[in-house]
C-alpha cells in the first residue's frame, strides 16, 4: 500500500487492488473468455433493461425524455454510485477513500467524450446503411441520422439545456478540488440538492411534446404476447437486468485490470484510460441499442442524464467523506471534460449537431490520453 499512497485517485482504482502476479509469460485464456462473456451479458441485459424501463416510464406516467434522463440514467448509474459510497465511507485510508474521487471524475469524462462519440459513430453507420439500401433500390429506414442535424431547433434547445445544467455544476466541483476550507464538506449537500432540482424538473417537464416522432413501445420481453404487460413483470425485468448489469460490469472491469498488464499496458494506462470506459459501458450500450431502434433522443437523454448523476451524487459523497483534493491527473480530466461539454454546447446552440460532429467528441478522450504522458512522466 505504501507504493500506492503517492498515486493519483484515478490510478488508485486499479493499484490498490492489483491483479495477482503470475509466473511466466502465459496469459490465462479465462480472462479473455470472461471479458467477452461479460460484454455480451451487459449488452443483452441492457437490451432487456431499455425495453423494461420504457414500460416503467409509461406506468409512472413520466415523459419519454425523462425515461432517458432519469429512469435509465439512474438505473445504470446507481451501481457506480454505490461503489463510490462504499469507497468513501469504508476506506481505511485517505488513498482508499480517494477511489471515490477518481470515480467521480472519470465517469463524466468517459460519458462526455466516449459515450457521445460512440453514439455519433453509430448514427453515421446507420446513415451509411440507409444510403446503401437506397443505392440497391430498397426503401431506406426512417432515421434521425438521415437528416443533416440531429433534430430541429427545439430538439437542440432541449439537448443544450442538459449541458447547461451540467457545466456550471461540474466547474464548481473542479474548483472545490483546488481549495481547502473548514465548511467544504457541507457543500456536498448542495450537490444532492442540485440533482433533486434537476430530477424534479425532468419528471414534471420531461415530455414537452418531443416524443411524437419516436417509435412506440416494443412488447415487454418478459411477456412478449401481452399488449399491456403486467406491472409486476415490468418491475421484475427492470430489477433483474440491473442486477446482471451491476455484477457483469464489475467482473468486466476486473478482467480488464488483469489483462491490461499482461498485454504490456501499464497499470497507469489501464486505470486512467480503460477503467473509466469500462465503468460507463452500460450507458454506452444503452445508447447503442436506442440508436439501433431509431430512438436517438432517448440515447442522448440517457447520456446527459447519467452525466448529471455523475456530476452530483458521487461528488456530494466525495465532498462529505474525503478531502476532495485534486492532483494533476484529476485536473486534466476535469479540463478535458469541460472542453468537450463546451464544444457540444456551442454546436447544439448553433443548431448544427450532426452525427459527424457528435462523433468528434471521442477525440477529446484521445487528447486526454496524450496529455497524460507529461503528467505521469
Protein backbone atom coordinates (compact mmCIF):
# COMPACT_ATOMS: atom_id res chain seq x y z
CA UNK A 1 0.00 0.00 0.00
CA UNK A 2 2.91 2.36 0.56
CA UNK A 3 3.69 2.46 -3.14
CA UNK A 4 0.11 3.35 -3.98
CA UNK A 5 -0.06 6.12 -1.41
CA UNK A 6 1.58 8.57 -3.81
CA UNK A 7 -0.59 7.67 -6.76
CA UNK A 8 -3.47 9.80 -8.08
CA UNK A 9 -7.03 8.76 -7.14
CA UNK A 10 -7.86 7.60 -10.67
CA UNK A 11 -4.81 5.34 -10.66
CA UNK A 12 -5.70 4.04 -7.20
CA UNK A 13 -8.79 2.44 -8.72
CA UNK A 14 -6.51 -0.28 -10.02
CA UNK A 15 -3.32 -0.08 -8.00
CA UNK A 16 -4.92 -0.50 -4.58
CA UNK A 17 -6.18 -3.92 -5.66
CA UNK A 18 -3.62 -5.14 -8.21
CA UNK A 19 -4.18 -8.32 -10.18
CA UNK A 20 -2.32 -11.37 -8.94
CA UNK A 21 1.18 -11.75 -10.35
CA UNK A 22 1.60 -14.93 -12.38
CA UNK A 23 4.81 -16.68 -13.21
CA UNK A 24 5.84 -16.91 -16.83
CA UNK A 25 4.51 -15.08 -19.83
CA UNK A 26 1.37 -17.14 -20.44
CA UNK A 27 -1.83 -15.10 -20.38
CA UNK A 28 -4.72 -17.14 -18.94
CA UNK A 29 -7.41 -17.57 -21.57
CA UNK A 30 -10.06 -17.39 -18.88
CA UNK A 31 -9.61 -13.61 -18.62
CA UNK A 32 -10.38 -13.11 -22.29
CA UNK A 33 -13.32 -15.51 -22.15
CA UNK A 34 -14.79 -13.74 -19.14
CA UNK A 35 -14.24 -10.35 -20.79
CA UNK A 36 -16.25 -11.42 -23.83
CA UNK A 37 -18.92 -13.13 -21.74
CA UNK A 38 -19.32 -10.02 -19.58
CA UNK A 39 -19.55 -7.71 -22.61
CA UNK A 40 -22.24 -9.92 -24.16
CA UNK A 41 -24.08 -10.15 -20.84
CA UNK A 42 -24.02 -6.37 -20.42
CA UNK A 43 -25.32 -5.79 -23.95
CA UNK A 44 -28.14 -8.34 -23.67
CA UNK A 45 -29.06 -7.09 -20.20
CA UNK A 46 -29.15 -3.50 -21.47
CA UNK A 47 -31.41 -4.65 -24.32
CA UNK A 48 -33.87 -6.03 -21.79
CA UNK A 49 -33.34 -3.06 -19.47
CA UNK A 50 -34.19 -0.35 -22.01
CA UNK A 51 -37.23 -2.39 -23.04
CA UNK A 52 -38.42 -2.59 -19.43
CA UNK A 53 -37.58 0.99 -18.47
CA UNK A 54 -39.69 2.39 -21.31
CA UNK A 55 -42.69 0.48 -20.00
CA UNK A 56 -41.80 1.60 -16.47
CA UNK A 57 -41.85 5.21 -17.66
CA UNK A 58 -45.31 4.70 -19.11
CA UNK A 59 -46.57 3.15 -15.87
CA UNK A 60 -45.12 6.02 -13.84
CA UNK A 61 -46.59 8.50 -16.35
CA UNK A 62 -43.34 10.34 -16.98
CA UNK A 63 -42.32 11.93 -20.27
CA UNK A 64 -40.32 9.85 -22.71
CA UNK A 65 -37.26 12.06 -22.37
CA UNK A 66 -37.42 11.62 -18.60
CA UNK A 67 -37.23 7.88 -19.24
CA UNK A 68 -33.73 8.51 -20.61
CA UNK A 69 -32.55 11.33 -18.34
CA UNK A 70 -33.97 9.95 -15.08
CA UNK A 71 -35.08 6.31 -15.09
CA UNK A 72 -32.49 4.75 -17.40
CA UNK A 73 -29.68 7.03 -16.21
CA UNK A 74 -30.48 6.46 -12.55
CA UNK A 75 -30.64 2.70 -13.04
CA UNK A 76 -27.28 2.37 -14.78
CA UNK A 77 -25.50 4.98 -12.63
CA UNK A 78 -26.81 3.63 -9.31
CA UNK A 79 -24.32 0.72 -9.10
CA UNK A 80 -21.40 3.10 -9.67
CA UNK A 81 -22.74 5.48 -7.03
CA UNK A 82 -22.97 2.59 -4.57
CA UNK A 83 -19.34 1.70 -5.28
CA UNK A 84 -18.38 5.33 -4.62
CA UNK A 85 -20.39 5.34 -1.39
CA UNK A 86 -18.67 2.21 -0.15
CA UNK A 87 -15.22 3.57 -1.07
CA UNK A 88 -15.59 6.94 0.68
CA UNK A 89 -17.35 5.63 3.79
CA UNK A 90 -15.47 2.40 4.48
CA UNK A 91 -11.99 3.20 3.16
CA UNK A 92 -9.42 2.70 5.90
CA UNK A 93 -7.01 5.30 4.48
CA UNK A 94 -7.24 8.54 2.53
CA UNK A 95 -5.91 6.71 -0.52
CA UNK A 96 -8.68 4.12 -0.31
CA UNK A 97 -11.32 6.84 0.07
CA UNK A 98 -9.89 8.72 -2.89
CA UNK A 99 -11.00 5.86 -5.12
CA UNK A 100 -14.42 7.51 -4.95
CA UNK A 101 -12.90 10.84 -6.02
CA UNK A 102 -11.35 9.21 -9.08
CA UNK A 103 -14.67 7.59 -9.98
CA UNK A 104 -16.48 10.92 -9.61
CA UNK A 105 -14.16 12.46 -12.21
CA UNK A 106 -13.65 9.50 -14.53
CA UNK A 107 -17.36 8.87 -15.07
CA UNK A 108 -18.29 12.28 -16.53
CA UNK A 109 -15.12 12.26 -18.64
CA UNK A 110 -15.99 8.95 -20.31
CA UNK A 111 -19.62 9.97 -20.84
CA UNK A 112 -18.85 13.42 -22.28
CA UNK A 113 -16.32 12.03 -24.74
CA UNK A 114 -16.52 8.31 -25.47
CA UNK A 115 -20.26 7.81 -24.91
CA UNK A 116 -21.25 10.75 -27.12
CA UNK A 117 -18.59 9.79 -29.66
CA UNK A 118 -19.81 6.19 -29.91
CA UNK A 119 -23.38 7.44 -30.33
CA UNK A 120 -22.30 9.69 -33.18
CA UNK A 121 -20.37 6.84 -34.81
CA UNK A 122 -23.40 4.55 -34.58
CA UNK A 123 -25.56 7.21 -36.21
CA UNK A 124 -23.03 7.56 -39.02
CA UNK A 125 -23.02 3.80 -39.58
CA UNK A 126 -26.80 3.75 -39.63
CA UNK A 127 -26.84 6.62 -42.12
CA UNK A 128 -24.40 4.83 -44.43
CA UNK A 129 -26.51 1.67 -44.24
CA UNK A 130 -29.56 3.69 -45.21
CA UNK A 131 -27.73 5.18 -48.19
CA UNK A 132 -26.58 1.70 -49.26
CA UNK A 133 -30.20 0.49 -49.22
CA UNK A 134 -31.19 3.41 -51.43
CA UNK A 135 -28.46 2.53 -53.93
CA UNK A 136 -29.73 -1.04 -54.27
CA UNK A 137 -33.31 0.13 -54.69
CA UNK A 138 -34.64 -0.71 -51.25
CA UNK A 139 -36.53 1.66 -49.00
CA UNK A 140 -34.25 3.40 -46.54
CA UNK A 141 -35.31 3.28 -42.90
CA UNK A 142 -36.68 6.47 -41.45
CA UNK A 143 -33.88 7.53 -39.12
CA UNK A 144 -32.84 10.81 -37.48
CA UNK A 145 -29.37 10.12 -38.89
CA UNK A 146 -30.72 10.75 -42.40
CA UNK A 147 -31.15 14.44 -41.59
CA UNK A 148 -28.27 16.91 -41.62
CA UNK A 149 -28.74 17.75 -37.94
CA UNK A 150 -29.96 15.64 -35.03
CA UNK A 151 -33.32 17.33 -34.75
CA UNK A 152 -34.83 20.75 -35.20
CA UNK A 153 -34.24 23.95 -33.23
CA UNK A 154 -36.50 22.77 -30.41
CA UNK A 155 -34.58 19.50 -30.10
CA UNK A 156 -31.27 21.36 -29.97
CA UNK A 157 -32.56 23.62 -27.19
CA UNK A 158 -33.66 20.57 -25.26
CA UNK A 159 -30.27 18.91 -25.60
CA UNK A 160 -28.40 22.13 -24.79
CA UNK A 161 -30.45 22.59 -21.62
CA UNK A 162 -28.96 19.45 -20.05
CA UNK A 163 -25.43 20.54 -20.89
CA UNK A 164 -26.19 24.00 -19.45
CA UNK A 165 -27.18 22.31 -16.20
CA UNK A 166 -24.14 20.07 -16.15
CA UNK A 167 -21.37 22.56 -16.96
CA UNK A 168 -21.64 25.01 -14.02
CA UNK A 169 -22.08 22.16 -11.55
CA UNK A 170 -19.00 20.44 -12.94
CA UNK A 171 -16.98 23.66 -12.86
CA UNK A 172 -17.84 24.11 -9.17
CA UNK A 173 -16.79 20.54 -8.32
CA UNK A 174 -13.43 21.07 -10.05
CA UNK A 175 -12.84 24.43 -8.32
CA UNK A 176 -13.59 22.84 -4.96
CA UNK A 177 -10.82 20.34 -5.66
CA UNK A 178 -8.32 23.22 -5.69
CA UNK A 179 -9.22 24.89 -2.40
CA UNK A 180 -9.50 23.92 1.24
CA UNK A 181 -11.68 25.50 3.91
CA UNK A 182 -13.47 24.37 7.04
CA UNK A 183 -17.03 24.00 5.75
CA UNK A 184 -16.19 22.48 2.36
CA UNK A 185 -17.59 19.04 3.29
CA UNK A 186 -21.00 20.58 3.97
CA UNK A 187 -21.16 21.77 0.35
CA UNK A 188 -21.67 18.15 -0.63
CA UNK A 189 -25.31 18.58 0.37
CA UNK A 190 -25.68 21.28 -2.29
CA UNK A 191 -24.78 18.74 -4.98
CA UNK A 192 -27.55 16.45 -3.77
CA UNK A 193 -29.92 19.42 -3.83
CA UNK A 194 -28.84 20.28 -7.38
CA UNK A 195 -29.72 16.80 -8.59
CA UNK A 196 -33.03 16.91 -6.72
CA UNK A 197 -33.96 20.09 -8.62
CA UNK A 198 -32.88 18.53 -11.92
CA UNK A 199 -34.86 15.39 -11.10
CA UNK A 200 -38.00 17.41 -10.33
CA UNK A 201 -37.64 19.45 -13.49
CA UNK A 202 -37.27 16.34 -15.66
CA UNK A 203 -40.17 14.46 -14.08
CA UNK A 204 -42.53 17.42 -14.42
CA UNK A 205 -41.41 18.67 -17.83
CA UNK A 206 -39.73 15.68 -19.46
CA UNK A 207 -42.34 15.20 -22.17
CA UNK A 208 -42.56 18.66 -23.77
CA UNK A 209 -44.10 17.01 -26.81
CA UNK A 210 -40.77 15.74 -28.21
CA UNK A 211 -41.68 12.10 -28.33
CA UNK A 212 -44.30 12.02 -31.06
CA UNK A 213 -41.77 11.22 -33.77
CA UNK A 214 -40.14 8.42 -31.83
CA UNK A 215 -41.15 4.80 -32.32
CA UNK A 216 -43.69 3.23 -30.00
CA UNK A 217 -43.08 0.73 -27.24
CA UNK A 218 -41.99 -2.76 -28.17
CA UNK A 219 -43.64 -5.71 -26.35
CA UNK A 220 -42.12 -6.44 -22.96
CA UNK A 221 -39.58 -9.23 -23.46
CA UNK A 222 -40.78 -11.00 -20.33
CA UNK A 223 -44.35 -11.02 -21.70
CA UNK A 224 -43.91 -10.75 -25.49
CA UNK A 225 -47.53 -11.64 -26.32
CA UNK A 226 -49.14 -9.16 -23.93
CA UNK A 227 -50.32 -5.88 -25.46
CA UNK A 228 -50.07 -4.33 -21.99
CA UNK A 229 -47.70 -6.26 -19.69
CA UNK A 230 -48.36 -6.69 -16.01
CA UNK A 231 -46.75 -4.18 -13.67
CA UNK A 232 -45.02 -6.97 -11.75
CA UNK A 233 -43.40 -8.19 -14.98
CA UNK A 234 -42.12 -4.70 -15.80
CA UNK A 235 -40.70 -4.34 -12.29
CA UNK A 236 -39.08 -7.79 -12.26
CA UNK A 237 -37.48 -7.30 -15.68
CA UNK A 238 -36.13 -3.87 -14.68
CA UNK A 239 -34.64 -5.01 -11.37
CA UNK A 240 -33.29 -8.32 -12.69
CA UNK A 241 -31.47 -6.67 -15.58
CA UNK A 242 -29.97 -4.06 -13.25
CA UNK A 243 -28.57 -6.82 -11.05
CA UNK A 244 -26.99 -8.55 -14.05
CA UNK A 245 -25.61 -5.23 -15.37
CA UNK A 246 -24.08 -4.43 -11.98
CA UNK A 247 -22.26 -7.74 -11.47
CA UNK A 248 -21.27 -8.14 -15.13
CA UNK A 249 -19.83 -4.60 -15.17
CA UNK A 250 -17.79 -5.23 -12.01
CA UNK A 251 -16.44 -8.50 -13.40
CA UNK A 252 -15.69 -6.81 -16.74
CA UNK A 253 -13.58 -4.14 -15.02
CA UNK A 254 -11.68 -6.77 -13.02
CA UNK A 255 -10.85 -8.74 -16.15
CA UNK A 256 -9.72 -5.57 -17.90
CA UNK A 257 -7.49 -4.70 -14.95
CA UNK A 258 -5.92 -8.17 -15.15
CA UNK A 259 -5.49 -8.31 -18.93
CA UNK A 260 -4.01 -4.80 -19.31
CA UNK A 261 -0.68 -5.51 -17.56
CA UNK A 262 -0.50 -8.95 -19.19
CA UNK A 263 -0.64 -7.29 -22.62
CA UNK A 264 2.16 -4.92 -21.69
CA UNK A 265 -0.08 -1.99 -20.69
CA UNK A 266 0.96 -0.25 -17.50
CA UNK A 267 -1.37 -0.12 -14.54
CA UNK A 268 -1.48 3.63 -15.08
CA UNK A 269 -2.86 3.32 -18.60
CA UNK A 270 -5.37 0.72 -17.51
CA UNK A 271 -6.61 2.81 -14.59
CA UNK A 272 -6.79 6.21 -16.24
CA UNK A 273 -7.85 5.29 -19.78
CA UNK A 274 -9.56 1.90 -19.85
CA UNK A 275 -11.30 1.56 -16.50
CA UNK A 276 -13.47 4.73 -16.84
CA UNK A 277 -14.77 3.48 -20.20
CA UNK A 278 -15.48 0.07 -18.70
CA UNK A 279 -17.45 1.53 -15.80
CA UNK A 280 -19.63 3.55 -18.19
CA UNK A 281 -20.19 0.59 -20.52
CA UNK A 282 -23.89 0.17 -19.56
CA UNK A 283 -24.68 3.76 -20.58
CA UNK A 284 -22.79 3.28 -23.83
CA UNK A 285 -24.66 0.04 -24.53
CA UNK A 286 -28.00 1.73 -23.82
CA UNK A 287 -27.15 4.44 -26.33
CA UNK A 288 -26.17 1.90 -28.99
CA UNK A 289 -29.41 -0.03 -28.52
CA UNK A 290 -31.62 3.06 -28.68
CA UNK A 291 -29.81 4.33 -31.78
CA UNK A 292 -30.33 0.95 -33.42
CA UNK A 293 -34.04 1.21 -32.59
CA UNK A 294 -34.26 4.70 -34.08
CA UNK A 295 -34.70 6.40 -30.70
CA UNK A 296 -31.81 8.84 -30.89
CA UNK A 297 -33.33 11.32 -28.45
CA UNK A 298 -33.58 8.66 -25.76
CA UNK A 299 -29.95 7.66 -26.39
CA UNK A 300 -28.71 11.23 -25.98
CA UNK A 301 -31.01 11.82 -22.99
CA UNK A 302 -29.64 8.72 -21.25
CA UNK A 303 -26.07 10.02 -21.58
CA UNK A 304 -26.88 13.56 -20.42
CA UNK A 305 -28.94 12.22 -17.51
CA UNK A 306 -26.14 9.89 -16.43
CA UNK A 307 -23.73 12.81 -16.59
CA UNK A 308 -25.93 14.80 -14.23
CA UNK A 309 -25.93 11.97 -11.72
CA UNK A 310 -22.16 11.53 -12.02
CA UNK A 311 -21.64 15.28 -11.55
CA UNK A 312 -23.71 15.47 -8.38
CA UNK A 313 -24.22 12.28 -6.35
CA UNK A 314 -20.64 10.88 -6.34
CA UNK A 315 -19.31 14.44 -5.95
CA UNK A 316 -21.54 15.06 -2.93
CA UNK A 317 -20.36 11.82 -1.36
CA UNK A 318 -16.75 12.69 -2.07
CA UNK A 319 -17.04 16.13 -0.51
CA UNK A 320 -18.71 14.75 2.60
CA UNK A 321 -16.27 11.93 3.28
CA UNK A 322 -12.93 12.83 1.65
CA UNK A 323 -10.58 15.80 1.45
CA UNK A 324 -11.64 16.33 -2.19
CA UNK A 325 -8.18 17.46 -3.24
CA UNK A 326 -7.20 17.16 -6.89
CA UNK A 327 -3.84 16.24 -8.39
CA UNK A 328 -2.59 16.89 -11.92
CA UNK A 329 -4.34 13.88 -13.48
CA UNK A 330 -7.70 14.79 -11.95
CA UNK A 331 -7.38 18.42 -13.03
CA UNK A 332 -6.54 17.34 -16.57
CA UNK A 333 -9.57 15.05 -16.68
CA UNK A 334 -11.73 17.93 -15.47
CA UNK A 335 -10.33 20.31 -18.08
CA UNK A 336 -10.95 17.84 -20.93
CA UNK A 337 -14.48 17.13 -19.70
CA UNK A 338 -15.31 20.84 -19.63
CA UNK A 339 -13.77 21.36 -23.08
CA UNK A 340 -15.87 18.54 -24.52
CA UNK A 341 -19.08 19.93 -23.00
CA UNK A 342 -18.35 23.46 -24.24
CA UNK A 343 -17.81 22.04 -27.74
CA UNK A 344 -21.10 20.14 -27.63
CA UNK A 345 -22.97 23.06 -26.10
CA UNK A 346 -21.80 25.52 -28.75
CA UNK A 347 -22.68 23.06 -31.50
CA UNK A 348 -26.13 22.48 -30.07
CA UNK A 349 -26.86 26.18 -29.62
CA UNK A 350 -25.83 26.78 -33.24
CA UNK A 351 -28.31 24.03 -34.23
CA UNK A 352 -25.51 22.23 -36.08
CA UNK A 353 -25.16 18.99 -34.12
CA UNK A 354 -24.71 16.27 -36.75
CA UNK A 355 -23.66 12.63 -36.27
CA UNK A 356 -20.16 13.50 -37.50
CA UNK A 357 -19.80 16.41 -35.06
CA UNK A 358 -21.11 14.23 -32.25
CA UNK A 359 -18.53 11.56 -33.09
CA UNK A 360 -15.79 14.20 -32.81
CA UNK A 361 -16.40 14.24 -29.04
CA UNK A 362 -14.42 11.00 -28.80
CA UNK A 363 -11.30 12.88 -29.92
CA UNK A 364 -11.32 14.75 -26.61
CA UNK A 365 -10.61 11.41 -24.93
CA UNK A 366 -7.64 10.99 -27.25
CA UNK A 367 -6.45 14.44 -26.16
CA UNK A 368 -6.84 13.34 -22.54
CA UNK A 369 -4.68 10.30 -23.20
CA UNK A 370 -1.95 12.36 -24.91
CA UNK A 371 -1.99 14.94 -22.13
CA UNK A 372 -1.39 12.26 -19.51
CA UNK A 373 2.03 11.47 -20.92
CA UNK A 374 3.82 14.54 -19.47
CA UNK A 375 1.71 14.42 -16.30
CA UNK A 376 2.65 10.83 -15.47
CA UNK A 377 6.23 11.03 -16.76
